[in-house]
Amino acid sequence: MQRYLTFQIYGPMQSWGAVAVGEVRPSLPRPSRSGVLGLLAGALGIRRDEDERHTELDRAYAMAVQPATKGARMADYHTIQCGKRLAKRTYRTRADEVGGLIPKNEDPGTLLSTREYLVDTLFVVTIWPRVDDPPHSLNDLAHALCKPVFTPCLGRKSCPPALPFHPLVQEHDGPLEALDAYDPDGDVLQAMDAAPAAEVYTSEPLDGWQERTEVRDVPLSRTRWQFGLRPEYRIAMPGGAQDEG
């Protein structure tokens, strides 16, 4: 048996960045590997410019995620103004930056984008070491989720978690058993008349996987916001609806 760290991710809004081209910023339908590793990194107090520590996390841990509620998608037509920052000016407030201190003939720097969010979605995630010398124990990761150094967010800073992560470290025969044994927040499931989905998405080729795809969510550089490709495997839960027939 192996030890697994399993926890829930829930918020009224989440956004797990997919490949963004131009003004359209879509979200993946579930937490990305880079997003979950970034969540753990922030909880541990790892800063974005510490690329080596982010690489260690990516090297050290495998991940599986299971949707617990179907939720919905929402698109937000997003408009911001950043203004032209001048070296001799001091911007003491946001109003100064986009308002009174910007001459009428100066470009206010308007940026337009369409950003996608997942609404009322709950996921269960399990993490386990895939190397003999992980940089952090599963207990340390669980403690960090309970008392994070940096404020956690679900993909974007505007998406805070609405429930505690409720991390559990337990021994199981495999990641599917770890997910199956975890009880996500019952009030959320009851309010949405939902139950955990019969399919799981993993970073590892577990026995019995049905589909292999590629996703671009391997963190190469957090400072330059660069991500590489990795395989993702879809697998049906034992005894789930997709196993029947």
Protein backbone atom coordinates (compact mmCIF):
# COMPACT_ATOMS: atom_id res chain seq x y z
CA MET A 1 0.00 0.00 0.00
CA GLN A 2 1.05 3.60 -0.58
CA ARG A 3 0.30 6.88 1.13
CA TYR A 4 -1.86 9.43 -0.69
CA LEU A 5 -2.79 13.04 0.02
CA THR A 6 -6.42 13.61 -0.99
CA PHE A 7 -8.30 16.90 -0.77
CA GLN A 8 -11.26 18.78 -2.22
CA ILE A 9 -11.31 21.92 -4.38
CA TYR A 10 -14.52 23.95 -4.44
CA GLY A 11 -15.38 27.54 -5.26
CA PRO A 12 -18.21 29.56 -6.80
CA MET A 13 -15.79 30.34 -9.64
CA GLN A 14 -12.67 28.56 -10.85
CA SER A 15 -10.52 28.97 -13.95
CA TRP A 16 -7.76 26.54 -14.90
CA GLY A 17 -6.01 28.14 -17.82
CA ALA A 18 -5.93 26.37 -21.15
CA VAL A 19 -3.87 27.59 -24.12
CA ALA A 20 -4.80 31.26 -24.56
CA VAL A 21 -4.60 32.89 -27.98
CA GLY A 22 -5.29 36.59 -28.30
CA GLU A 23 -8.22 37.93 -26.31
CA VAL A 24 -9.86 34.56 -25.50
CA ARG A 25 -8.80 32.99 -22.18
CA PRO A 26 -10.54 29.59 -21.85
CA SER A 27 -10.54 27.28 -18.84
CA LEU A 28 -9.87 23.56 -18.76
CA PRO A 29 -12.87 21.53 -17.52
CA ARG A 30 -10.98 20.44 -14.38
CA PRO A 31 -7.97 21.53 -12.31
CA SER A 32 -4.77 21.37 -14.34
CA ARG A 33 -1.65 19.71 -13.02
CA SER A 34 0.22 23.02 -13.13
CA GLY A 35 -2.69 24.69 -11.32
CA VAL A 36 -2.70 22.15 -8.50
CA LEU A 37 1.09 22.25 -8.20
CA GLY A 38 0.89 26.05 -8.14
CA LEU A 39 -1.73 25.85 -5.39
CA LEU A 40 0.58 23.61 -3.34
CA ALA A 41 3.58 25.82 -4.09
CA GLY A 42 1.75 28.92 -2.86
CA ALA A 43 0.62 27.09 0.27
CA LEU A 44 4.25 26.13 0.95
CA GLY A 45 5.44 29.69 0.40
CA ILE A 46 7.28 29.04 -2.89
CA ARG A 47 7.46 32.21 -4.99
CA ARG A 48 6.89 32.31 -8.74
CA ASP A 49 10.51 33.14 -9.54
CA GLU A 50 11.80 30.02 -7.76
CA ASP A 51 11.77 27.89 -10.90
CA GLU A 52 13.95 25.12 -9.48
CA ARG A 53 11.54 24.51 -6.59
CA HIS A 54 8.59 24.41 -8.99
CA THR A 55 10.49 21.90 -11.13
CA GLU A 56 11.08 19.78 -8.02
CA LEU A 57 7.34 19.67 -7.32
CA ASP A 58 6.59 18.65 -10.90
CA ARG A 59 9.23 15.92 -10.78
CA ALA A 60 8.23 14.55 -7.40
CA TYR A 61 4.45 14.07 -7.42
CA ALA A 62 1.81 12.34 -9.51
CA MET A 63 -1.82 13.49 -9.55
CA ALA A 64 -5.33 12.26 -10.23
CA VAL A 65 -8.50 14.37 -10.24
CA GLN A 66 -12.15 13.37 -10.10
CA PRO A 67 -15.07 15.75 -10.80
CA ALA A 68 -17.63 15.65 -8.00
CA THR A 69 -20.19 18.08 -9.47
CA LYS A 70 -20.99 18.91 -13.06
CA GLY A 71 -21.23 22.67 -12.57
CA ALA A 72 -21.45 25.08 -15.49
CA ARG A 73 -19.32 27.41 -17.58
CA MET A 74 -19.47 31.19 -17.61
CA ALA A 75 -17.80 33.66 -19.96
CA ASP A 76 -16.90 37.15 -18.74
CA TYR A 77 -16.25 39.99 -21.19
CA HIS A 78 -13.38 41.58 -19.31
CA THR A 79 -12.32 45.22 -19.70
CA ILE A 80 -9.38 46.81 -17.87
CA GLN A 81 -7.36 50.00 -18.20
CA CYS A 82 -3.74 50.10 -17.13
CA GLY A 83 -2.69 53.57 -18.26
CA LYS A 84 0.75 54.57 -19.45
CA ARG A 85 3.13 54.56 -16.53
CA LEU A 86 5.58 57.46 -16.60
CA ALA A 87 8.82 57.45 -14.63
CA LYS A 88 8.33 60.91 -13.12
CA ARG A 89 4.81 60.24 -11.92
CA THR A 90 3.79 58.71 -8.61
CA TYR A 91 0.54 56.76 -8.72
CA ARG A 92 -0.81 56.69 -5.19
CA THR A 93 -4.19 55.18 -6.06
CA ARG A 94 -5.81 53.26 -8.89
CA ALA A 95 -7.86 56.39 -9.64
CA ASP A 96 -4.60 58.30 -10.19
CA GLU A 97 -3.38 55.67 -12.63
CA VAL A 98 -6.45 55.63 -14.87
CA GLY A 99 -8.08 58.93 -14.01
CA GLY A 100 -7.01 62.38 -12.99
CA LEU A 101 -3.28 62.13 -13.72
CA ILE A 102 -3.70 60.85 -17.28
CA PRO A 103 -3.99 63.68 -19.83
CA LYS A 104 -7.01 63.52 -22.10
CA ASN A 105 -4.84 62.90 -25.15
CA GLU A 106 -2.97 59.97 -23.51
CA ASP A 107 -3.85 56.35 -24.30
CA PRO A 108 -5.53 54.84 -21.19
CA GLY A 109 -4.26 51.36 -22.20
CA THR A 110 -7.63 49.60 -22.50
CA LEU A 111 -7.35 45.80 -22.71
CA LEU A 112 -10.27 43.58 -23.73
CA SER A 113 -10.56 39.83 -23.15
CA THR A 114 -13.13 37.08 -22.80
CA ARG A 115 -12.37 34.90 -19.78
CA GLU A 116 -14.01 31.58 -19.05
CA TYR A 117 -14.85 30.27 -15.58
CA LEU A 118 -16.19 27.06 -14.08
CA VAL A 119 -19.14 27.83 -11.81
CA ASP A 120 -20.17 25.79 -8.74
CA THR A 121 -17.79 22.94 -9.39
CA LEU A 122 -16.24 20.61 -6.83
CA PHE A 123 -13.28 18.33 -7.51
CA VAL A 124 -11.42 15.71 -5.51
CA VAL A 125 -7.67 15.54 -6.06
CA THR A 126 -5.17 12.96 -4.86
CA ILE A 127 -1.38 13.39 -4.85
CA TRP A 128 1.30 10.75 -4.34
CA PRO A 129 5.11 10.67 -4.64
CA ARG A 130 6.60 9.27 -7.82
CA VAL A 131 10.21 9.55 -6.66
CA ASP A 132 12.00 8.18 -3.59
CA ASP A 133 13.11 11.59 -2.33
CA PRO A 134 10.22 14.08 -2.66
CA PRO A 135 11.09 17.59 -1.42
CA HIS A 136 8.08 17.64 0.94
CA SER A 137 6.28 14.90 2.80
CA LEU A 138 2.57 14.42 2.20
CA ASN A 139 1.96 15.50 5.79
CA ASP A 140 3.84 18.75 5.13
CA LEU A 141 1.71 19.36 2.02
CA ALA A 142 -1.46 18.69 4.01
CA HIS A 143 -0.35 21.09 6.75
CA ALA A 144 0.39 23.76 4.11
CA LEU A 145 -3.13 23.41 2.67
CA CYS A 146 -4.56 23.96 6.16
CA LYS A 147 -2.28 26.93 6.92
CA PRO A 148 -1.10 28.33 3.56
CA VAL A 149 1.69 30.91 3.41
CA PHE A 150 0.17 32.72 0.41
CA THR A 151 -3.56 33.19 -0.06
CA PRO A 152 -4.83 30.27 -2.18
CA CYS A 153 -6.83 30.81 -5.33
CA LEU A 154 -8.47 28.46 -7.81
CA GLY A 155 -6.63 29.29 -11.00
CA ARG A 156 -7.00 33.08 -10.81
CA LYS A 157 -6.63 35.54 -7.94
CA SER A 158 -10.29 36.49 -8.37
CA CYS A 159 -11.34 32.89 -7.59
CA PRO A 160 -10.92 32.10 -3.88
CA PRO A 161 -11.86 28.69 -2.46
CA ALA A 162 -15.26 28.59 -0.77
CA LEU A 163 -14.53 25.55 1.43
CA PRO A 164 -11.50 24.27 3.34
CA PHE A 165 -9.40 21.83 1.33
CA HIS A 166 -9.86 19.24 4.09
CA PRO A 167 -6.67 17.28 3.22
CA LEU A 168 -6.34 13.66 4.32
CA VAL A 169 -3.20 11.51 4.23
CA GLN A 170 -4.02 7.81 4.18
CA GLU A 171 -2.75 4.51 2.84
CA HIS A 172 -4.56 2.90 -0.09
CA ASP A 173 -3.96 0.26 -2.72
CA GLY A 174 -3.97 2.90 -5.47
CA PRO A 175 -5.09 6.43 -6.42
CA LEU A 176 -8.56 5.27 -7.50
CA GLU A 177 -9.08 3.73 -4.07
CA ALA A 178 -7.89 6.97 -2.45
CA LEU A 179 -10.44 8.97 -4.43
CA ASP A 180 -13.21 6.46 -3.78
CA ALA A 181 -12.58 6.55 -0.01
CA TYR A 182 -12.68 10.35 0.23
CA ASP A 183 -15.95 12.05 1.23
CA PRO A 184 -16.23 15.55 -0.27
CA ASP A 185 -18.47 18.14 1.35
CA GLY A 186 -21.90 16.57 1.65
CA ASP A 187 -23.83 19.87 1.79
CA VAL A 188 -22.49 20.90 -1.63
CA LEU A 189 -23.29 17.52 -3.17
CA GLN A 190 -26.79 17.54 -1.67
CA ALA A 191 -27.50 21.10 -2.80
CA MET A 192 -26.53 20.18 -6.36
CA ASP A 193 -28.05 16.70 -6.23
CA ALA A 194 -24.66 15.41 -7.39
CA ALA A 195 -22.29 12.52 -6.82
CA PRO A 196 -18.65 12.04 -7.80
CA ALA A 197 -18.25 11.24 -11.47
CA ALA A 198 -17.42 7.75 -12.63
CA GLU A 199 -14.28 8.93 -14.43
CA VAL A 200 -10.87 10.06 -13.24
CA TYR A 201 -8.08 11.93 -15.03
CA THR A 202 -4.51 11.03 -14.09
CA SER A 203 -0.98 12.09 -14.92
CA GLU A 204 0.12 8.43 -14.87
CA PRO A 205 -0.91 5.49 -17.13
CA LEU A 206 -2.83 3.48 -14.53
CA ASP A 207 -4.06 0.01 -15.37
CA GLY A 208 -7.26 0.06 -17.41
CA TRP A 209 -7.04 3.58 -18.80
CA GLN A 210 -9.39 4.17 -21.74
CA GLU A 211 -8.18 7.38 -23.38
CA ARG A 212 -4.90 9.27 -23.70
CA THR A 213 -4.71 12.95 -24.61
CA GLU A 214 -2.09 15.67 -24.34
CA VAL A 215 -2.44 18.82 -22.28
CA ARG A 216 -0.08 21.77 -21.99
CA ASP A 217 0.21 22.23 -18.24
CA VAL A 218 3.74 21.23 -17.25
CA PRO A 219 5.25 24.29 -15.52
CA LEU A 220 8.49 25.18 -17.34
CA SER A 221 8.80 28.75 -16.07
CA ARG A 222 6.36 30.54 -13.77
CA THR A 223 8.02 33.89 -14.37
CA ARG A 224 7.78 33.65 -18.18
CA TRP A 225 4.46 31.75 -17.96
CA GLN A 226 5.69 28.87 -20.10
CA PHE A 227 4.20 25.37 -19.98
CA GLY A 228 5.04 22.10 -21.72
CA LEU A 229 3.00 19.13 -22.95
CA ARG A 230 2.28 16.00 -20.95
CA PRO A 231 0.01 12.98 -21.40
CA GLU A 232 -3.27 12.75 -19.49
CA TYR A 233 -5.17 9.50 -19.03
CA ARG A 234 -8.89 9.03 -18.54
CA ILE A 235 -10.00 6.00 -16.58
CA ALA A 236 -13.37 4.77 -15.31
CA MET A 237 -13.76 4.27 -11.57
CA PRO A 238 -14.23 0.64 -10.47
CA GLY A 239 -17.94 -0.13 -10.31
CA GLY A 240 -18.85 3.19 -11.96
CA ALA A 241 -21.56 3.63 -14.53
CA GLN A 242 -19.02 3.58 -17.36
CA ASP A 243 -17.89 0.07 -16.29
CA GLU A 244 -21.36 -1.40 -16.69
CA GLY A 245 -22.38 -3.39 -19.75
